[in-house]
């Protein structure tokens, strides 16, 4: 995964990342977590 955002705690930041990385966005949404990205991983 691209490490575009190391951490995205604000929904707006996540949405911005979604536009560039749709697959990651879908994966993030599927978790159902409001967590943060950390080096491309879900916390």
Protein backbone atom coordinates (compact mmCIF):
# COMPACT_ATOMS: atom_id res chain seq x y z
CA UNK A 1 0.00 0.00 0.00
CA UNK A 2 1.03 3.57 -0.58
CA UNK A 3 1.86 5.43 2.58
CA UNK A 4 0.12 8.59 1.44
CA UNK A 5 -1.22 9.32 4.91
CA UNK A 6 0.53 7.95 7.94
CA UNK A 7 -2.43 8.78 10.13
CA UNK A 8 -5.95 9.86 9.22
CA UNK A 9 -8.10 10.61 12.21
CA UNK A 10 -10.40 13.12 10.54
CA UNK A 11 -13.04 11.78 8.17
CA UNK A 12 -12.16 14.50 5.68
CA UNK A 13 -8.57 13.25 5.56
CA UNK A 14 -9.77 9.71 4.95
CA UNK A 15 -12.06 10.89 2.18
CA UNK A 16 -9.18 12.75 0.53
CA UNK A 17 -7.14 9.56 0.62
CA UNK A 18 -10.10 7.59 -0.76
CA UNK A 19 -9.99 9.63 -3.94
CA UNK A 20 -6.43 8.53 -4.56
CA UNK A 21 -6.60 5.00 -3.21
CA UNK A 22 -10.06 3.55 -3.73
CA UNK A 23 -9.14 -0.01 -2.76
CA UNK A 24 -7.70 1.12 0.56
CA UNK A 25 -10.78 3.24 1.16
CA UNK A 26 -13.09 0.26 0.64
CA UNK A 27 -10.99 -1.86 2.97
CA UNK A 28 -11.07 0.87 5.62
CA UNK A 29 -14.85 1.17 5.36
CA UNK A 30 -15.34 -2.60 5.51
CA UNK A 31 -13.67 -2.78 8.91
CA UNK A 32 -16.41 -0.65 10.40
CA UNK A 33 -13.79 1.00 12.59
CA UNK A 34 -13.28 4.70 13.10
CA UNK A 35 -9.63 3.99 13.72
CA UNK A 36 -6.50 5.44 12.20
CA UNK A 37 -4.14 4.46 9.44
CA UNK A 38 -0.61 3.77 10.61
CA UNK A 39 1.92 2.99 7.88
CA UNK A 40 -0.85 1.68 5.66
CA UNK A 41 -2.27 -0.58 8.34
CA UNK A 42 -5.49 -0.23 10.28
CA UNK A 43 -5.09 0.36 13.98
